Amino acid sequence: MADTYYDGCMQARNRYMVDNSKYCICYLRYNGGGTYYTVKYAQKLNKEIISIYNYNMPIKSIIEHFTDAIRY
């Protein structure tokens, strides 16, 4: 990763996170932008996608809900 911002550094960061993760946990509201690109990349690599967009609960409750699912 880079020490300074450059054009495309966020995409590089997102690809790094996907490449080094088992799951992709996202808040995807529409088909476009950086989140969409990252989720599509994760799908291409057959990562398990967990979308929290439709969960109507506080983030703490969402984390507790998925804790067992994402333990190694």
N, C-alpha and C. Protein backbone atom coordinates (compact mmCIF):
# COMPACT_ATOMS: atom_id res chain seq x y z
N MET A 1 0.84 -1.17 0.00
CA MET A 1 0.00 0.00 0.00
C MET A 1 0.89 1.24 0.00
N ALA A 2 0.31 2.35 -0.38
CA ALA A 2 1.07 3.59 -0.55
C ALA A 2 1.01 4.46 0.71
N ASP A 3 2.01 5.31 0.85
CA ASP A 3 2.05 6.25 1.96
C ASP A 3 1.22 7.50 1.68
N THR A 4 0.96 7.78 0.41
CA THR A 4 0.22 8.98 0.02
C THR A 4 -0.92 8.60 -0.91
N TYR A 5 -1.88 9.52 -0.99
CA TYR A 5 -3.03 9.32 -1.88
C TYR A 5 -2.59 9.43 -3.33
N TYR A 6 -3.13 8.58 -4.17
CA TYR A 6 -2.92 8.68 -5.62
C TYR A 6 -4.17 8.20 -6.32
N ASP A 7 -4.32 8.55 -7.57
CA ASP A 7 -5.48 8.12 -8.35
C ASP A 7 -5.53 6.60 -8.40
N GLY A 8 -6.60 6.01 -7.91
CA GLY A 8 -6.74 4.57 -7.92
C GLY A 8 -6.32 3.88 -6.63
N CYS A 9 -5.86 4.65 -5.64
CA CYS A 9 -5.38 4.02 -4.40
C CYS A 9 -6.51 3.35 -3.62
N MET A 10 -7.73 3.88 -3.69
CA MET A 10 -8.85 3.26 -2.99
C MET A 10 -9.21 1.93 -3.63
N GLN A 11 -9.18 1.85 -4.95
CA GLN A 11 -9.42 0.59 -5.63
C GLN A 11 -8.35 -0.43 -5.27
N ALA A 12 -7.11 0.00 -5.22
CA ALA A 12 -6.02 -0.90 -4.84
C ALA A 12 -6.21 -1.40 -3.42
N ARG A 13 -6.61 -0.51 -2.51
CA ARG A 13 -6.87 -0.90 -1.12
C ARG A 13 -8.01 -1.92 -1.04
N ASN A 14 -9.09 -1.65 -1.76
CA ASN A 14 -10.24 -2.55 -1.74
C ASN A 14 -9.90 -3.92 -2.31
N ARG A 15 -9.14 -3.95 -3.40
CA ARG A 15 -8.73 -5.23 -3.99
C ARG A 15 -7.85 -6.00 -3.00
N TYR A 16 -6.97 -5.30 -2.31
CA TYR A 16 -6.11 -5.93 -1.31
C TYR A 16 -6.96 -6.58 -0.22
N MET A 17 -7.96 -5.83 0.27
CA MET A 17 -8.82 -6.38 1.33
C MET A 17 -9.58 -7.61 0.85
N VAL A 18 -10.10 -7.57 -0.37
CA VAL A 18 -10.82 -8.73 -0.91
C VAL A 18 -9.87 -9.90 -1.09
N ASP A 19 -8.70 -9.63 -1.65
CA ASP A 19 -7.72 -10.70 -1.89
C ASP A 19 -7.30 -11.41 -0.61
N ASN A 20 -7.35 -10.70 0.51
CA ASN A 20 -6.88 -11.24 1.78
C ASN A 20 -8.00 -11.53 2.77
N SER A 21 -9.22 -11.70 2.26
CA SER A 21 -10.37 -11.95 3.12
C SER A 21 -11.15 -13.17 2.64
N LYS A 22 -11.87 -13.76 3.57
CA LYS A 22 -12.76 -14.88 3.24
C LYS A 22 -14.15 -14.36 2.91
N TYR A 23 -14.53 -13.24 3.51
CA TYR A 23 -15.85 -12.66 3.35
C TYR A 23 -15.75 -11.23 2.85
N CYS A 24 -16.82 -10.79 2.19
CA CYS A 24 -16.97 -9.40 1.81
C CYS A 24 -18.24 -8.90 2.48
N ILE A 25 -18.09 -8.07 3.50
CA ILE A 25 -19.23 -7.52 4.21
C ILE A 25 -19.44 -6.11 3.67
N CYS A 26 -20.63 -5.86 3.13
CA CYS A 26 -20.83 -4.60 2.42
C CYS A 26 -22.16 -3.94 2.78
N TYR A 27 -22.24 -2.67 2.47
CA TYR A 27 -23.46 -1.88 2.57
C TYR A 27 -23.68 -1.29 1.18
N LEU A 28 -24.24 -2.09 0.30
CA LEU A 28 -24.40 -1.73 -1.11
C LEU A 28 -25.84 -1.29 -1.36
N ARG A 29 -26.01 0.01 -1.71
CA ARG A 29 -27.35 0.56 -1.92
C ARG A 29 -27.74 0.63 -3.40
N TYR A 30 -26.78 0.69 -4.29
CA TYR A 30 -27.08 0.81 -5.72
C TYR A 30 -25.93 0.22 -6.54
N ASN A 31 -26.23 -0.06 -7.79
CA ASN A 31 -25.25 -0.68 -8.67
C ASN A 31 -24.39 0.38 -9.35
N GLY A 32 -23.35 0.78 -8.67
CA GLY A 32 -22.42 1.77 -9.20
C GLY A 32 -21.48 2.22 -8.10
N GLY A 33 -20.33 2.72 -8.48
CA GLY A 33 -19.38 3.25 -7.52
C GLY A 33 -18.41 2.22 -7.00
N GLY A 34 -17.60 2.65 -6.04
CA GLY A 34 -16.52 1.83 -5.51
C GLY A 34 -16.97 0.58 -4.78
N THR A 35 -18.04 0.70 -4.00
CA THR A 35 -18.54 -0.47 -3.28
C THR A 35 -19.03 -1.52 -4.26
N TYR A 36 -19.77 -1.09 -5.27
CA TYR A 36 -20.27 -2.02 -6.29
C TYR A 36 -19.11 -2.72 -7.00
N TYR A 37 -18.11 -1.95 -7.40
CA TYR A 37 -16.94 -2.51 -8.06
C TYR A 37 -16.27 -3.57 -7.16
N THR A 38 -16.13 -3.25 -5.88
CA THR A 38 -15.46 -4.15 -4.95
C THR A 38 -16.27 -5.43 -4.74
N VAL A 39 -17.59 -5.30 -4.61
CA VAL A 39 -18.44 -6.48 -4.44
C VAL A 39 -18.38 -7.36 -5.69
N LYS A 40 -18.42 -6.76 -6.87
CA LYS A 40 -18.31 -7.53 -8.11
C LYS A 40 -16.98 -8.27 -8.17
N TYR A 41 -15.91 -7.61 -7.74
CA TYR A 41 -14.59 -8.24 -7.70
C TYR A 41 -14.60 -9.42 -6.73
N ALA A 42 -15.20 -9.24 -5.56
CA ALA A 42 -15.29 -10.32 -4.56
C ALA A 42 -16.10 -11.49 -5.11
N GLN A 43 -17.18 -11.21 -5.82
CA GLN A 43 -17.99 -12.28 -6.42
C GLN A 43 -17.17 -13.05 -7.45
N LYS A 44 -16.39 -12.32 -8.23
CA LYS A 44 -15.54 -12.94 -9.25
C LYS A 44 -14.55 -13.92 -8.63
N LEU A 45 -14.11 -13.62 -7.39
CA LEU A 45 -13.17 -14.48 -6.68
C LEU A 45 -13.88 -15.50 -5.79
N ASN A 46 -15.19 -15.59 -5.93
CA ASN A 46 -16.01 -16.55 -5.16
C ASN A 46 -15.94 -16.33 -3.65
N LYS A 47 -15.83 -15.07 -3.23
CA LYS A 47 -15.87 -14.75 -1.81
C LYS A 47 -17.32 -14.76 -1.35
N GLU A 48 -17.56 -15.07 -0.10
CA GLU A 48 -18.91 -15.02 0.43
C GLU A 48 -19.27 -13.56 0.69
N ILE A 49 -20.40 -13.13 0.13
CA ILE A 49 -20.85 -11.74 0.26
C ILE A 49 -21.91 -11.67 1.36
N ILE A 50 -21.71 -10.77 2.30
CA ILE A 50 -22.69 -10.51 3.36
C ILE A 50 -23.08 -9.04 3.24
N SER A 51 -24.30 -8.81 2.76
CA SER A 51 -24.80 -7.45 2.61
C SER A 51 -25.62 -7.08 3.84
N ILE A 52 -25.29 -5.96 4.45
CA ILE A 52 -26.02 -5.50 5.63
C ILE A 52 -26.99 -4.38 5.29
N TYR A 53 -27.18 -4.10 4.01
CA TYR A 53 -28.05 -3.00 3.59
C TYR A 53 -29.50 -3.16 4.07
N ASN A 54 -30.03 -4.35 4.00
CA ASN A 54 -31.44 -4.55 4.35
C ASN A 54 -31.69 -4.86 5.82
N TYR A 55 -30.66 -4.80 6.65
CA TYR A 55 -30.85 -5.06 8.08
C TYR A 55 -31.23 -3.76 8.77
N ASN A 56 -32.38 -3.75 9.38
CA ASN A 56 -32.88 -2.56 10.07
C ASN A 56 -32.58 -2.70 11.56
N MET A 57 -31.30 -2.64 11.88
CA MET A 57 -30.88 -2.77 13.28
C MET A 57 -29.54 -2.05 13.46
N PRO A 58 -29.18 -1.70 14.68
CA PRO A 58 -27.91 -1.04 14.93
C PRO A 58 -26.73 -1.93 14.51
N ILE A 59 -25.62 -1.30 14.16
CA ILE A 59 -24.44 -2.03 13.69
C ILE A 59 -23.97 -3.07 14.71
N LYS A 60 -24.06 -2.75 16.00
CA LYS A 60 -23.65 -3.71 17.03
C LYS A 60 -24.47 -4.99 16.94
N SER A 61 -25.76 -4.86 16.71
CA SER A 61 -26.63 -6.03 16.58
C SER A 61 -26.30 -6.82 15.31
N ILE A 62 -25.97 -6.12 14.24
CA ILE A 62 -25.58 -6.79 12.99
C ILE A 62 -24.32 -7.61 13.22
N ILE A 63 -23.34 -7.02 13.89
CA ILE A 63 -22.08 -7.72 14.18
C ILE A 63 -22.35 -8.96 15.02
N GLU A 64 -23.15 -8.82 16.04
CA GLU A 64 -23.49 -9.97 16.89
C GLU A 64 -24.21 -11.05 16.09
N HIS A 65 -25.08 -10.63 15.17
CA HIS A 65 -25.82 -11.57 14.33
C HIS A 65 -24.89 -12.42 13.47
N PHE A 66 -23.82 -11.80 12.95
CA PHE A 66 -22.92 -12.50 12.04
C PHE A 66 -21.67 -13.07 12.71
N THR A 67 -21.50 -12.87 14.01
CA THR A 67 -20.28 -13.30 14.69
C THR A 67 -19.99 -14.76 14.48
N ASP A 68 -20.95 -15.63 14.67
CA ASP A 68 -20.72 -17.06 14.49
C ASP A 68 -20.42 -17.39 13.04
N ALA A 69 -21.04 -16.70 12.12
CA ALA A 69 -20.85 -16.98 10.69
C ALA A 69 -19.45 -16.63 10.21
N ILE A 70 -18.82 -15.61 10.82
CA ILE A 70 -17.53 -15.18 10.30
C ILE A 70 -16.33 -15.60 11.13
N ARG A 71 -16.56 -16.41 12.16
CA ARG A 71 -15.43 -16.95 12.93
C ARG A 71 -14.69 -17.99 12.10
N TYR A 72 -13.39 -18.05 12.28
CA TYR A 72 -12.58 -19.03 11.55
C TYR A 72 -12.47 -20.30 12.34
